[in-house]
Protein backbone atom coordinates (compact mmCIF):
# COMPACT_ATOMS: atom_id res chain seq x y z
CA MET A 1 0.00 0.00 0.00
CA ARG A 2 1.48 3.36 -1.12
CA GLY A 3 4.55 1.43 -2.28
CA PHE A 4 5.62 0.34 1.19
CA GLU A 5 6.23 -3.11 2.59
CA ALA A 6 4.29 -4.15 5.70
CA VAL A 7 6.25 -6.25 8.20
CA PHE A 8 4.21 -7.84 10.97
CA VAL A 9 5.98 -8.09 14.32
CA SER A 10 4.80 -9.01 17.81
CA LEU A 11 5.74 -6.70 20.66
CA LYS A 12 6.49 -9.89 22.60
CA ASP A 13 9.46 -10.48 20.29
CA CYS A 14 10.97 -7.01 20.69
CA GLN A 15 13.79 -6.23 23.12
CA ILE A 16 15.23 -3.27 24.96
CA LEU A 17 19.07 -3.41 24.94
CA LEU A 18 20.89 -0.88 27.12
CA ASP A 19 24.68 -1.24 26.82
CA SER A 20 26.71 1.96 27.03
CA SER A 21 29.83 0.15 25.78
CA GLN A 22 28.31 -0.14 22.32
CA GLU A 23 28.20 2.63 19.72
CA PRO A 24 26.16 4.69 19.39
CA SER A 25 25.72 5.05 23.15
CA GLN A 26 21.92 5.32 23.29
CA PRO A 27 18.95 3.14 24.23
CA ILE A 28 18.45 0.50 21.55
CA ILE A 29 15.26 -1.31 20.61
CA ARG A 30 15.73 -4.62 18.82
CA ILE A 31 12.86 -5.40 16.45
CA PRO A 32 12.90 -8.65 14.45
CA GLY A 33 13.57 -7.82 10.81
CA PHE A 34 15.00 -4.39 11.65
CA GLU A 35 18.34 -5.34 13.22
CA GLN A 36 20.35 -2.95 11.04
CA GLN A 37 18.05 0.07 11.02
CA LEU A 38 14.92 0.94 12.93
CA PRO A 39 11.72 1.58 10.96
CA ASP A 40 10.33 5.06 10.55
CA TYR A 41 6.76 4.00 11.33
CA ALA A 42 4.99 1.64 13.74
CA PHE A 43 1.29 1.01 13.13
CA VAL A 44 0.14 -0.61 16.37
CA ARG A 45 -2.66 -3.11 15.83
CA GLY A 46 -2.46 -4.89 19.15
CA VAL A 47 -0.73 -4.96 22.51
CA PRO A 48 -0.59 -8.60 23.65
CA GLY A 49 -2.09 -9.38 27.03
CA GLY A 50 0.02 -10.81 29.82
CA THR A 51 1.12 -10.07 33.36
CA LEU A 52 1.22 -6.48 34.52
CA GLN A 53 5.01 -6.50 34.16
CA GLN A 54 4.84 -7.86 30.61
CA VAL A 55 2.26 -5.31 29.50
CA ILE A 56 4.26 -2.46 31.05
CA VAL A 57 7.40 -3.46 29.16
CA ARG A 58 5.48 -3.78 25.88
CA LEU A 59 4.21 -0.23 26.37
CA ASP A 60 7.76 0.82 27.34
CA ILE A 61 8.90 -0.43 23.94
CA LEU A 62 6.32 1.79 22.24
CA HIS A 63 7.43 4.76 24.35
CA ALA A 64 11.09 4.10 23.50
CA MET A 65 10.29 3.79 19.79
CA LYS A 66 8.75 7.25 19.83
CA MET A 67 11.71 8.72 21.72
CA LEU A 68 14.03 7.25 19.08
CA GLY A 69 12.17 9.07 16.32
CA ILE A 70 9.79 6.34 15.13
CA ARG A 71 6.27 7.55 14.28
CA VAL A 72 4.13 5.31 16.55
CA TYR A 73 0.46 5.16 15.58
CA ASN A 74 -1.31 5.15 18.09
CA ASP A 75 1.49 5.90 20.53
CA GLY A 76 1.92 4.32 23.95
CA ARG A 77 0.39 7.24 25.86
CA ALA A 78 -2.79 7.17 23.80
CA ILE A 79 -3.09 3.40 24.29
CA GLU A 80 -2.55 3.77 28.04
CA ARG A 81 -5.25 6.43 28.28
CA THR A 82 -7.83 4.32 26.47
CA VAL A 83 -7.08 0.72 27.43
CA ASP A 84 -7.58 1.85 31.04
CA LYS A 85 -11.33 2.46 31.31
CA ALA A 86 -10.91 4.44 34.53
CA MET A 87 -8.63 7.01 32.89
CA THR A 88 -10.84 7.17 29.79
CA SER A 89 -13.88 7.88 31.97
CA PHE A 90 -11.95 10.49 33.94
CA LEU A 91 -10.76 12.31 30.81
CA LEU A 92 -14.22 12.28 29.22
CA HIS A 93 -15.78 13.64 32.42
CA TYR A 94 -12.97 16.19 32.90
CA HIS A 95 -13.45 17.56 29.39
CA GLY A 96 -17.23 17.70 29.68
CA VAL A 97 -17.97 14.86 27.25
CA ALA A 98 -21.24 13.11 28.09
CA THR A 99 -20.50 9.67 29.56
CA PRO A 100 -22.42 7.46 32.02
CA ALA A 101 -22.00 8.04 35.75
CA THR A 102 -19.04 5.90 36.86
CA TRP A 103 -17.54 4.69 40.13
CA ILE A 104 -14.12 3.06 40.54
CA CYS A 105 -12.95 1.61 43.85
CA GLU A 106 -11.02 -1.27 45.40
CA SER A 107 -13.21 -1.67 48.48
CA ARG A 108 -15.94 -4.28 48.24
CA GLN A 109 -17.85 -2.38 50.94
CA GLN A 110 -17.66 0.87 48.95
CA ALA A 111 -18.86 -0.97 45.85
CA HIS A 112 -21.80 -2.41 47.81
CA GLU A 113 -22.72 1.07 49.01
CA VAL A 114 -22.69 2.49 45.47
CA ILE A 115 -24.80 -0.39 44.17
CA ALA A 116 -27.34 -0.12 46.99
CA GLU A 117 -27.63 3.66 46.55
CA GLN A 118 -28.08 3.45 42.78
CA ILE A 119 -30.54 0.56 42.86
CA ASN A 120 -32.58 2.31 45.55
CA ALA A 121 -32.69 5.32 43.22
CA GLY A 122 -34.10 3.12 40.46
CA HIS A 123 -30.93 2.68 38.42
CA GLN A 124 -29.23 -0.44 37.12
CA LEU A 125 -25.45 -0.74 37.03
CA VAL A 126 -22.92 -2.44 34.80
CA ILE A 127 -19.69 -3.89 36.15
CA LYS A 128 -16.79 -4.12 33.70
CA PRO A 129 -13.18 -5.29 33.82
CA LEU A 130 -10.87 -2.28 33.85
CA PHE A 131 -8.87 -3.82 31.01
CA GLY A 132 -10.97 -5.67 28.47
CA SER A 133 -12.70 -5.49 25.12
CA GLN A 134 -15.37 -7.07 22.93
CA GLY A 135 -17.84 -7.21 25.81
CA LYS A 136 -15.97 -9.90 27.72
CA GLY A 137 -16.57 -9.92 31.47
CA VAL A 138 -19.26 -7.23 31.28
CA ARG A 139 -22.20 -7.87 33.59
CA LYS A 140 -25.38 -5.98 34.45
CA LEU A 141 -26.24 -5.68 38.16
CA VAL A 142 -29.84 -5.47 39.33
CA ALA A 143 -31.51 -5.70 42.73
CA GLY A 144 -30.69 -8.97 44.47
CA ASP A 145 -27.61 -9.78 42.40
CA SER A 146 -24.47 -10.89 44.21
CA LEU A 147 -21.33 -8.82 43.75
CA PRO A 148 -18.30 -10.60 42.25
CA VAL A 149 -15.62 -11.37 44.82
CA PRO A 150 -12.30 -9.50 44.56
CA MET A 151 -10.51 -12.60 43.27
CA ASP A 152 -12.86 -12.92 40.28
CA GLU A 153 -10.75 -12.86 37.09
CA HIS A 154 -12.89 -10.10 35.60
CA VAL A 155 -12.73 -7.95 38.75
CA ASP A 156 -9.12 -8.58 39.80
CA GLY A 157 -9.42 -6.63 43.03
CA LEU A 158 -11.03 -3.53 41.53
CA TYR A 159 -14.63 -2.51 40.90
CA TYR A 160 -15.42 -0.43 37.82
CA LEU A 161 -19.12 0.38 38.00
CA GLN A 162 -21.10 2.34 35.45
CA ARG A 163 -24.74 3.35 35.30
CA TYR A 164 -26.61 1.24 32.75
CA ILE A 165 -27.94 3.19 29.78
CA ASP A 166 -31.05 1.54 28.33
CA SER A 167 -31.19 1.99 24.54
CA GLY A 168 -34.55 0.23 24.33
CA GLU A 169 -35.48 -3.14 25.82
CA GLY A 170 -35.58 -5.68 23.00
CA ARG A 171 -34.28 -3.08 20.51
CA TRP A 172 -30.75 -2.87 21.89
CA HIS A 173 -28.32 -0.87 19.83
CA ASP A 174 -25.41 1.53 20.02
CA HIS A 175 -23.13 3.35 17.57
CA ARG A 176 -19.49 3.17 16.53
CA VAL A 177 -17.87 6.27 15.06
CA PHE A 178 -14.40 5.99 13.53
CA ILE A 179 -12.09 8.98 14.05
CA ILE A 180 -8.89 9.68 12.12
CA ASN A 181 -6.85 12.83 12.77
CA GLY A 182 -9.65 14.33 14.85
CA LYS A 183 -12.34 13.89 12.20
CA ALA A 184 -15.16 11.35 11.94
CA ILE A 185 -14.74 9.36 8.72
CA GLY A 186 -17.52 6.80 9.16
CA ALA A 187 -20.20 5.60 11.56
CA MET A 188 -22.59 2.71 11.98
CA VAL A 189 -25.36 1.35 14.17
CA ARG A 190 -24.65 -1.92 15.97
CA ARG A 191 -27.75 -3.95 16.81
CA GLY A 192 -27.36 -6.83 19.24
CA SER A 193 -29.51 -9.69 20.45
CA SER A 194 -28.87 -8.53 24.02
CA TRP A 195 -27.88 -5.30 25.76
CA VAL A 196 -24.22 -5.94 24.82
CA ASN A 197 -23.85 -4.73 21.22
CA ASN A 198 -20.28 -5.72 20.34
CA MET A 199 -19.65 -7.24 16.89
CA ALA A 200 -17.69 -10.02 18.60
CA MET A 201 -20.88 -10.88 20.53
CA GLY A 202 -22.95 -11.25 17.36
CA ALA A 203 -24.20 -7.70 16.76
CA ARG A 204 -24.96 -6.68 13.17
CA SER A 205 -23.86 -3.42 11.57
CA GLU A 206 -26.10 -0.98 9.73
CA ALA A 207 -25.49 2.32 7.95
CA ILE A 208 -26.82 5.57 9.44
CA ALA A 209 -29.10 7.27 6.94
CA ASN A 210 -30.29 10.22 9.03
CA ALA A 211 -27.93 13.16 8.38
CA THR A 212 -28.94 15.03 11.55
CA GLU A 213 -28.28 11.98 13.72
CA LEU A 214 -24.98 11.34 11.97
CA ASN A 215 -23.81 14.90 12.57
CA GLU A 216 -24.75 14.67 16.25
CA LEU A 217 -22.84 11.39 16.65
CA ASN A 218 -19.80 12.70 14.79
CA THR A 219 -19.62 15.86 16.90
CA LEU A 220 -19.71 13.91 20.16
CA ALA A 221 -17.18 11.34 18.93
CA GLU A 222 -14.75 14.04 17.83
CA SER A 223 -15.02 15.63 21.28
CA ALA A 224 -14.20 12.27 22.87
CA ALA A 225 -11.14 11.81 20.63
CA ARG A 226 -9.87 15.28 21.59
CA ALA A 227 -10.38 14.47 25.26
CA VAL A 228 -8.07 11.46 25.11
CA ASP A 229 -5.66 13.05 22.56
CA ILE A 230 -5.37 10.25 20.02
CA ASP A 231 -4.46 9.81 16.33
CA TYR A 232 -7.28 7.43 15.46
CA CYS A 233 -9.92 5.54 17.42
CA GLY A 234 -13.33 3.94 17.49
CA VAL A 235 -15.79 5.76 19.74
CA ASP A 236 -18.75 3.79 21.12
CA ILE A 237 -21.85 5.90 21.72
CA ILE A 238 -25.28 4.98 23.06
CA ARG A 239 -28.56 6.92 23.01
CA ASP A 240 -30.90 6.51 25.96
CA ARG A 241 -34.69 6.33 25.83
CA ASP A 242 -34.89 10.12 26.23
CA GLY A 243 -32.66 10.72 23.21
CA LYS A 244 -29.49 11.75 25.06
CA LEU A 245 -26.15 10.47 23.76
CA TYR A 246 -23.36 9.11 25.97
CA VAL A 247 -19.83 7.99 25.11
CA LEU A 248 -19.30 4.47 26.46
CA GLU A 249 -15.72 3.80 25.39
CA VAL A 250 -12.87 5.03 23.21
CA ASN A 251 -10.97 2.19 21.54
CA SER A 252 -7.37 2.94 20.57
CA ILE A 253 -6.95 -0.31 18.58
CA PRO A 254 -10.33 -0.54 16.87
CA ALA A 255 -11.39 -3.12 14.33
CA TRP A 256 -13.26 -1.79 11.31
CA ARG A 257 -14.61 -4.84 9.44
CA GLY A 258 -18.20 -4.14 10.46
CA LEU A 259 -17.95 -0.44 9.65
CA GLN A 260 -16.25 -1.11 6.31
CA SER A 261 -19.25 -3.20 5.28
CA VAL A 262 -21.56 -0.14 5.46
CA VAL A 263 -19.33 2.70 4.21
CA GLU A 264 -17.72 3.24 0.79
CA LEU A 265 -14.54 4.92 2.08
CA ASP A 266 -11.50 2.63 2.22
CA ILE A 267 -10.75 2.92 5.94
CA ALA A 268 -7.40 1.12 5.78
CA GLN A 269 -6.21 3.44 3.01
CA VAL A 270 -7.19 6.56 4.95
CA LEU A 271 -5.35 5.25 8.02
CA VAL A 272 -2.19 4.54 6.05
CA ASP A 273 -2.36 7.90 4.27
CA HIS A 274 -2.62 9.70 7.61
CA LEU A 275 0.20 7.63 9.11
CA LEU A 276 2.58 8.16 6.21
CA ASN A 277 1.52 11.71 5.37
CA VAL A 278 1.27 11.13 1.63
CA ASP A 279 2.56 14.64 0.87
CA GLN A 280 6.01 13.48 1.93
CA SER A 281 8.29 11.69 -0.54
CA ASN A 282 10.37 9.00 1.11
CA ASN A 283 11.31 5.36 0.83
CA VAL A 284 11.17 4.22 4.43
CA ILE A 285 9.64 0.87 5.41
CA PRO A 286 6.78 1.04 7.93
CA LEU A 287 6.55 -1.50 10.72
CA TYR A 288 3.07 -2.81 11.48
CA ALA A 289 3.31 -3.96 15.11
CA SER A 290 0.75 -6.60 16.00
CA ALA A 291 -0.10 -9.06 18.74
């Protein structure tokens, strides 16, 4: 694409080598296939899961790449801000972007108090893993439900609670807006067979025909992207029964197969054009980092 070769590399196979006795005396990143010269670009399409230490080092590699002059897309900071749902929620709230009421705590007692207060007020809550995607580990809490214990693999000692937004019982749906360089380039409706509308959970994608609705979704999604300061992302938005829109999540490593099926624009081409800046004339080889 654009005359460049794509080399797929796992961050698990990269190394940080710090030896001041070697020349040049600077931090060195070893990337398979790029032993002689580092790439100019890194298109990050996945950060492999693992232990906390492993994930930290994989993000360290992305940070080091950027410091060494590699264009990292999205960079480590943007991924950190969005893979961590607590920080995403904080940034959205801080910048005044509509998002569901959220509570994050380690104390089981504090979590119980939040749940009791919200349920008594007539609200339902959703509990989510802090790190997770594709709807895995997401659970709706209603009156009488037991709270997961701290050792639960999806809780892992921390409670991320969010007020449930009902998009219409039996007509569940939400929206995905794709942002590149601060601008919405495509959007779709996702309709699920349950209240979880992820494509990985069987939701189907549909085009958005209403121009007024599309403009409203795009404006909110662009505000969310600015709040987390990111090159490209997928913004998940839901509309409640009263018509108000809320940003649920900002995904820094979004898939676009479903969206591509309902829009004419070549999403992959637009991403590559933005990454490479097609106005530049060069012969560098981009690295596509993957899981």
